[in-house]
Amino acid sequence: MKRIDLAVRLAAGCVASGLLGAVALAAQQPATPTLGPGLELINERCGYCHTTNQVFAARKTAAEWPAVVQAMIARGAELSPEEQKVMDDYLVATLATDRKPAVAAVQ
């Protein structure tokens, strides 16, 4: 009986481990990009040094995204001040972990 009990525990542990791994993997998947001028800038400028999936997989707050963009500019990303604002606005509106969901218009 002890062998069966051990086998059941091992099997349950493997299943639980697999489920936790699947949840962790799903949490790391990049967000689906939303169309807009910010997406165009990301594809044009960010993909030069790293994959754009890195951008969409990043988990940043509304306060953190502009700092990330500024850090990338300091590292050589070429964005005009206007383009920087467009990118900041896009990242905050579409990817910020603390963004507020859009409110549907009441009619």
N, C-alpha and C. Protein backbone atom coordinates (compact mmCIF):
# COMPACT_ATOMS: atom_id res chain seq x y z
N MET A 1 0.80 -1.20 0.00
CA MET A 1 0.00 0.00 0.00
C MET A 1 0.84 1.26 0.00
N LYS A 2 1.97 1.19 0.66
CA LYS A 2 2.82 2.38 0.72
C LYS A 2 3.36 2.73 -0.66
N ARG A 3 3.62 1.73 -1.49
CA ARG A 3 4.09 2.02 -2.85
C ARG A 3 3.03 2.74 -3.66
N ILE A 4 1.81 2.33 -3.51
CA ILE A 4 0.72 2.98 -4.24
C ILE A 4 0.57 4.41 -3.75
N ASP A 5 0.61 4.61 -2.44
CA ASP A 5 0.50 5.95 -1.86
C ASP A 5 1.61 6.85 -2.40
N LEU A 6 2.84 6.36 -2.46
CA LEU A 6 3.96 7.13 -2.97
C LEU A 6 3.75 7.44 -4.45
N ALA A 7 3.29 6.46 -5.21
CA ALA A 7 3.05 6.67 -6.64
C ALA A 7 1.98 7.74 -6.86
N VAL A 8 0.93 7.70 -6.06
CA VAL A 8 -0.15 8.69 -6.17
C VAL A 8 0.39 10.09 -5.83
N ARG A 9 1.18 10.18 -4.79
CA ARG A 9 1.75 11.48 -4.41
C ARG A 9 2.67 12.03 -5.50
N LEU A 10 3.48 11.15 -6.07
CA LEU A 10 4.38 11.59 -7.15
C LEU A 10 3.58 12.05 -8.36
N ALA A 11 2.56 11.29 -8.72
CA ALA A 11 1.74 11.66 -9.87
C ALA A 11 1.04 12.99 -9.62
N ALA A 12 0.49 13.17 -8.42
CA ALA A 12 -0.18 14.42 -8.09
C ALA A 12 0.80 15.59 -8.13
N GLY A 13 2.01 15.36 -7.64
CA GLY A 13 3.03 16.41 -7.68
C GLY A 13 3.40 16.79 -9.09
N CYS A 14 3.50 15.81 -9.97
CA CYS A 14 3.83 16.08 -11.37
C CYS A 14 2.72 16.88 -12.05
N VAL A 15 1.47 16.50 -11.78
CA VAL A 15 0.33 17.22 -12.37
C VAL A 15 0.31 18.66 -11.86
N ALA A 16 0.48 18.84 -10.55
CA ALA A 16 0.47 20.19 -9.98
C ALA A 16 1.62 21.02 -10.54
N SER A 17 2.78 20.41 -10.67
CA SER A 17 3.93 21.11 -11.21
C SER A 17 3.68 21.54 -12.66
N GLY A 18 3.08 20.65 -13.43
CA GLY A 18 2.76 20.96 -14.82
C GLY A 18 1.76 22.09 -14.93
N LEU A 19 0.76 22.09 -14.07
CA LEU A 19 -0.24 23.16 -14.09
C LEU A 19 0.37 24.50 -13.71
N LEU A 20 1.20 24.49 -12.68
CA LEU A 20 1.87 25.73 -12.27
C LEU A 20 2.79 26.24 -13.37
N GLY A 21 3.48 25.33 -14.03
CA GLY A 21 4.34 25.73 -15.14
C GLY A 21 3.55 26.34 -16.27
N ALA A 22 2.38 25.76 -16.57
CA ALA A 22 1.54 26.30 -17.64
C ALA A 22 1.02 27.69 -17.28
N VAL A 23 0.66 27.89 -16.03
CA VAL A 23 0.20 29.21 -15.57
C VAL A 23 1.33 30.23 -15.68
N ALA A 24 2.53 29.85 -15.25
CA ALA A 24 3.68 30.75 -15.33
C ALA A 24 4.00 31.09 -16.78
N LEU A 25 3.93 30.10 -17.66
CA LEU A 25 4.21 30.34 -19.07
C LEU A 25 3.18 31.28 -19.67
N ALA A 26 1.92 31.08 -19.34
CA ALA A 26 0.86 31.95 -19.85
C ALA A 26 1.06 33.38 -19.38
N ALA A 27 1.53 33.56 -18.16
CA ALA A 27 1.76 34.91 -17.63
C ALA A 27 2.89 35.61 -18.35
N GLN A 28 3.80 34.86 -18.97
CA GLN A 28 4.94 35.46 -19.64
C GLN A 28 4.67 35.73 -21.12
N GLN A 29 3.54 35.27 -21.63
CA GLN A 29 3.24 35.46 -23.04
C GLN A 29 3.02 36.95 -23.31
N PRO A 30 3.51 37.42 -24.47
CA PRO A 30 3.32 38.84 -24.78
C PRO A 30 1.86 39.18 -25.00
N ALA A 31 1.51 40.41 -24.69
CA ALA A 31 0.16 40.89 -24.95
C ALA A 31 -0.04 41.01 -26.45
N THR A 32 -1.28 40.92 -26.88
CA THR A 32 -1.58 41.12 -28.29
C THR A 32 -1.51 42.61 -28.57
N PRO A 33 -0.69 43.03 -29.54
CA PRO A 33 -0.55 44.47 -29.82
C PRO A 33 -1.85 45.08 -30.33
N THR A 34 -2.11 46.29 -29.86
CA THR A 34 -3.26 47.06 -30.31
C THR A 34 -2.77 47.99 -31.42
N LEU A 35 -3.53 48.08 -32.50
CA LEU A 35 -3.14 48.96 -33.61
C LEU A 35 -3.11 50.40 -33.16
N GLY A 36 -2.23 51.17 -33.79
CA GLY A 36 -2.13 52.59 -33.48
C GLY A 36 -0.75 53.11 -33.81
N PRO A 37 -0.57 54.43 -33.77
CA PRO A 37 0.73 55.03 -34.12
C PRO A 37 1.84 54.61 -33.17
N GLY A 38 1.52 54.32 -31.94
CA GLY A 38 2.53 53.85 -31.00
C GLY A 38 3.07 52.49 -31.42
N LEU A 39 2.19 51.63 -31.92
CA LEU A 39 2.61 50.31 -32.38
C LEU A 39 3.56 50.45 -33.57
N GLU A 40 3.27 51.36 -34.46
CA GLU A 40 4.15 51.59 -35.60
C GLU A 40 5.55 52.02 -35.14
N LEU A 41 5.59 52.91 -34.16
CA LEU A 41 6.89 53.36 -33.62
C LEU A 41 7.63 52.21 -32.95
N ILE A 42 6.93 51.40 -32.19
CA ILE A 42 7.56 50.26 -31.53
C ILE A 42 8.16 49.33 -32.58
N ASN A 43 7.39 49.03 -33.61
CA ASN A 43 7.90 48.14 -34.67
C ASN A 43 9.09 48.73 -35.39
N GLU A 44 9.08 50.04 -35.60
CA GLU A 44 10.16 50.70 -36.33
C GLU A 44 11.41 50.92 -35.48
N ARG A 45 11.24 51.31 -34.23
CA ARG A 45 12.37 51.75 -33.42
C ARG A 45 12.84 50.72 -32.40
N CYS A 46 11.92 50.03 -31.74
CA CYS A 46 12.32 49.11 -30.67
C CYS A 46 12.88 47.80 -31.22
N GLY A 47 12.32 47.36 -32.35
CA GLY A 47 12.76 46.11 -32.92
C GLY A 47 14.15 46.15 -33.51
N TYR A 48 14.75 47.31 -33.51
CA TYR A 48 16.10 47.45 -34.03
C TYR A 48 17.12 46.79 -33.10
N CYS A 49 16.92 46.91 -31.79
CA CYS A 49 17.87 46.37 -30.81
C CYS A 49 17.41 45.08 -30.15
N HIS A 50 16.11 44.86 -30.06
CA HIS A 50 15.58 43.65 -29.44
C HIS A 50 14.24 43.33 -30.08
N THR A 51 13.71 42.16 -29.79
CA THR A 51 12.43 41.79 -30.39
C THR A 51 11.31 42.63 -29.81
N THR A 52 10.31 42.87 -30.61
CA THR A 52 9.16 43.61 -30.10
C THR A 52 8.37 42.76 -29.11
N ASN A 53 8.52 41.44 -29.15
CA ASN A 53 7.87 40.60 -28.14
C ASN A 53 8.35 40.95 -26.74
N GLN A 54 9.60 41.40 -26.62
CA GLN A 54 10.10 41.82 -25.31
C GLN A 54 9.31 43.00 -24.79
N VAL A 55 8.93 43.89 -25.68
CA VAL A 55 8.14 45.06 -25.28
C VAL A 55 6.78 44.59 -24.78
N PHE A 56 6.12 43.73 -25.56
CA PHE A 56 4.76 43.32 -25.23
C PHE A 56 4.69 42.31 -24.09
N ALA A 57 5.81 41.69 -23.75
CA ALA A 57 5.84 40.76 -22.62
C ALA A 57 6.18 41.48 -21.31
N ALA A 58 6.70 42.71 -21.41
CA ALA A 58 7.09 43.45 -20.22
C ALA A 58 5.87 43.82 -19.39
N ARG A 59 6.01 43.75 -18.11
CA ARG A 59 4.94 44.11 -17.19
C ARG A 59 5.39 45.36 -16.43
N LYS A 60 4.84 46.51 -16.85
CA LYS A 60 5.21 47.79 -16.26
C LYS A 60 3.96 48.57 -15.91
N THR A 61 4.06 49.43 -14.93
CA THR A 61 2.95 50.30 -14.55
C THR A 61 2.94 51.54 -15.44
N ALA A 62 1.89 52.33 -15.30
CA ALA A 62 1.79 53.58 -16.07
C ALA A 62 2.95 54.52 -15.74
N ALA A 63 3.44 54.49 -14.53
CA ALA A 63 4.57 55.35 -14.15
C ALA A 63 5.89 54.80 -14.68
N GLU A 64 5.98 53.50 -14.85
CA GLU A 64 7.24 52.89 -15.28
C GLU A 64 7.48 52.99 -16.78
N TRP A 65 6.43 52.92 -17.59
CA TRP A 65 6.65 52.91 -19.05
C TRP A 65 7.41 54.13 -19.56
N PRO A 66 7.03 55.36 -19.19
CA PRO A 66 7.81 56.51 -19.69
C PRO A 66 9.28 56.45 -19.26
N ALA A 67 9.55 55.92 -18.08
CA ALA A 67 10.94 55.79 -17.63
C ALA A 67 11.69 54.77 -18.47
N VAL A 68 11.01 53.70 -18.87
CA VAL A 68 11.64 52.70 -19.75
C VAL A 68 11.96 53.32 -21.10
N VAL A 69 11.01 54.07 -21.64
CA VAL A 69 11.24 54.72 -22.94
C VAL A 69 12.40 55.69 -22.84
N GLN A 70 12.45 56.47 -21.77
CA GLN A 70 13.55 57.41 -21.57
C GLN A 70 14.88 56.67 -21.46
N ALA A 71 14.90 55.55 -20.77
CA ALA A 71 16.13 54.76 -20.65
C ALA A 71 16.58 54.24 -22.01
N MET A 72 15.64 53.86 -22.85
CA MET A 72 15.99 53.37 -24.19
C MET A 72 16.55 54.50 -25.05
N ILE A 73 16.00 55.70 -24.88
CA ILE A 73 16.53 56.86 -25.60
C ILE A 73 17.96 57.12 -25.13
N ALA A 74 18.19 57.00 -23.84
CA ALA A 74 19.55 57.20 -23.30
C ALA A 74 20.52 56.16 -23.86
N ARG A 75 19.99 54.99 -24.24
CA ARG A 75 20.82 53.93 -24.81
C ARG A 75 20.96 54.03 -26.33
N GLY A 76 20.28 55.02 -26.93
CA GLY A 76 20.47 55.23 -28.35
C GLY A 76 19.22 55.14 -29.21
N ALA A 77 18.08 54.83 -28.63
CA ALA A 77 16.84 54.81 -29.42
C ALA A 77 16.57 56.22 -29.93
N GLU A 78 16.22 56.30 -31.20
CA GLU A 78 16.00 57.60 -31.81
C GLU A 78 14.50 57.91 -31.87
N LEU A 79 14.09 58.80 -30.97
CA LEU A 79 12.71 59.26 -30.92
C LEU A 79 12.71 60.76 -30.71
N SER A 80 11.93 61.47 -31.50
CA SER A 80 11.75 62.90 -31.26
C SER A 80 10.89 63.04 -30.00
N PRO A 81 10.85 64.22 -29.41
CA PRO A 81 9.98 64.41 -28.23
C PRO A 81 8.51 64.07 -28.53
N GLU A 82 8.06 64.41 -29.75
CA GLU A 82 6.68 64.10 -30.13
C GLU A 82 6.48 62.59 -30.23
N GLU A 83 7.44 61.90 -30.84
CA GLU A 83 7.35 60.44 -30.96
C GLU A 83 7.42 59.78 -29.58
N GLN A 84 8.24 60.33 -28.71
CA GLN A 84 8.34 59.79 -27.36
C GLN A 84 6.99 59.88 -26.65
N LYS A 85 6.30 61.00 -26.80
CA LYS A 85 4.98 61.17 -26.18
C LYS A 85 3.99 60.16 -26.75
N VAL A 86 4.01 59.98 -28.08
CA VAL A 86 3.11 59.01 -28.71
C VAL A 86 3.38 57.62 -28.16
N MET A 87 4.65 57.25 -28.05
CA MET A 87 5.00 55.92 -27.55
C MET A 87 4.62 55.77 -26.08
N ASP A 88 4.93 56.79 -25.28
CA ASP A 88 4.55 56.75 -23.86
C ASP A 88 3.04 56.55 -23.71
N ASP A 89 2.28 57.37 -24.43
CA ASP A 89 0.82 57.30 -24.35
C ASP A 89 0.30 55.92 -24.76
N TYR A 90 0.86 55.38 -25.83
CA TYR A 90 0.45 54.07 -26.33
C TYR A 90 0.75 52.98 -25.30
N LEU A 91 1.97 52.97 -24.77
CA LEU A 91 2.37 51.93 -23.81
C LEU A 91 1.52 52.00 -22.55
N VAL A 92 1.27 53.20 -22.06
CA VAL A 92 0.46 53.36 -20.85
C VAL A 92 -0.98 52.92 -21.12
N ALA A 93 -1.53 53.33 -22.26
CA ALA A 93 -2.93 53.01 -22.56
C ALA A 93 -3.16 51.54 -22.86
N THR A 94 -2.17 50.87 -23.43
CA THR A 94 -2.40 49.49 -23.87
C THR A 94 -1.71 48.43 -23.04
N LEU A 95 -0.61 48.76 -22.36
CA LEU A 95 0.16 47.72 -21.68
C LEU A 95 0.35 47.93 -20.18
N ALA A 96 0.08 49.10 -19.67
CA ALA A 96 0.32 49.35 -18.24
C ALA A 96 -0.47 48.37 -17.39
N THR A 97 0.20 47.77 -16.44
CA THR A 97 -0.45 46.78 -15.58
C THR A 97 -1.50 47.40 -14.67
N ASP A 98 -1.42 48.70 -14.43
CA ASP A 98 -2.38 49.37 -13.57
C ASP A 98 -3.34 50.29 -14.33
N ARG A 99 -3.43 50.07 -15.65
CA ARG A 99 -4.33 50.93 -16.44
C ARG A 99 -5.77 50.65 -16.07
N LYS A 100 -6.60 51.65 -16.26
CA LYS A 100 -8.02 51.49 -16.00
C LYS A 100 -8.69 51.04 -17.29
N PRO A 101 -9.60 50.08 -17.22
CA PRO A 101 -10.27 49.64 -18.44
C PRO A 101 -11.09 50.76 -19.03
N ALA A 102 -11.18 50.74 -20.35
CA ALA A 102 -11.98 51.78 -21.04
C ALA A 102 -13.45 51.64 -20.61
N VAL A 103 -14.07 52.77 -20.37
CA VAL A 103 -15.47 52.78 -19.97
C VAL A 103 -16.32 52.91 -21.22
N ALA A 104 -17.29 52.03 -21.37
CA ALA A 104 -18.18 52.08 -22.53
C ALA A 104 -19.08 53.31 -22.40
N ALA A 105 -19.35 53.92 -23.54
CA ALA A 105 -20.20 55.10 -23.57
C ALA A 105 -21.63 54.68 -23.22
N VAL A 106 -22.27 55.44 -22.33
CA VAL A 106 -23.65 55.16 -21.94
C VAL A 106 -24.55 55.91 -22.90
N GLN A 107 -25.52 55.20 -23.42
CA GLN A 107 -26.43 55.86 -24.37
C GLN A 107 -27.83 55.86 -23.85
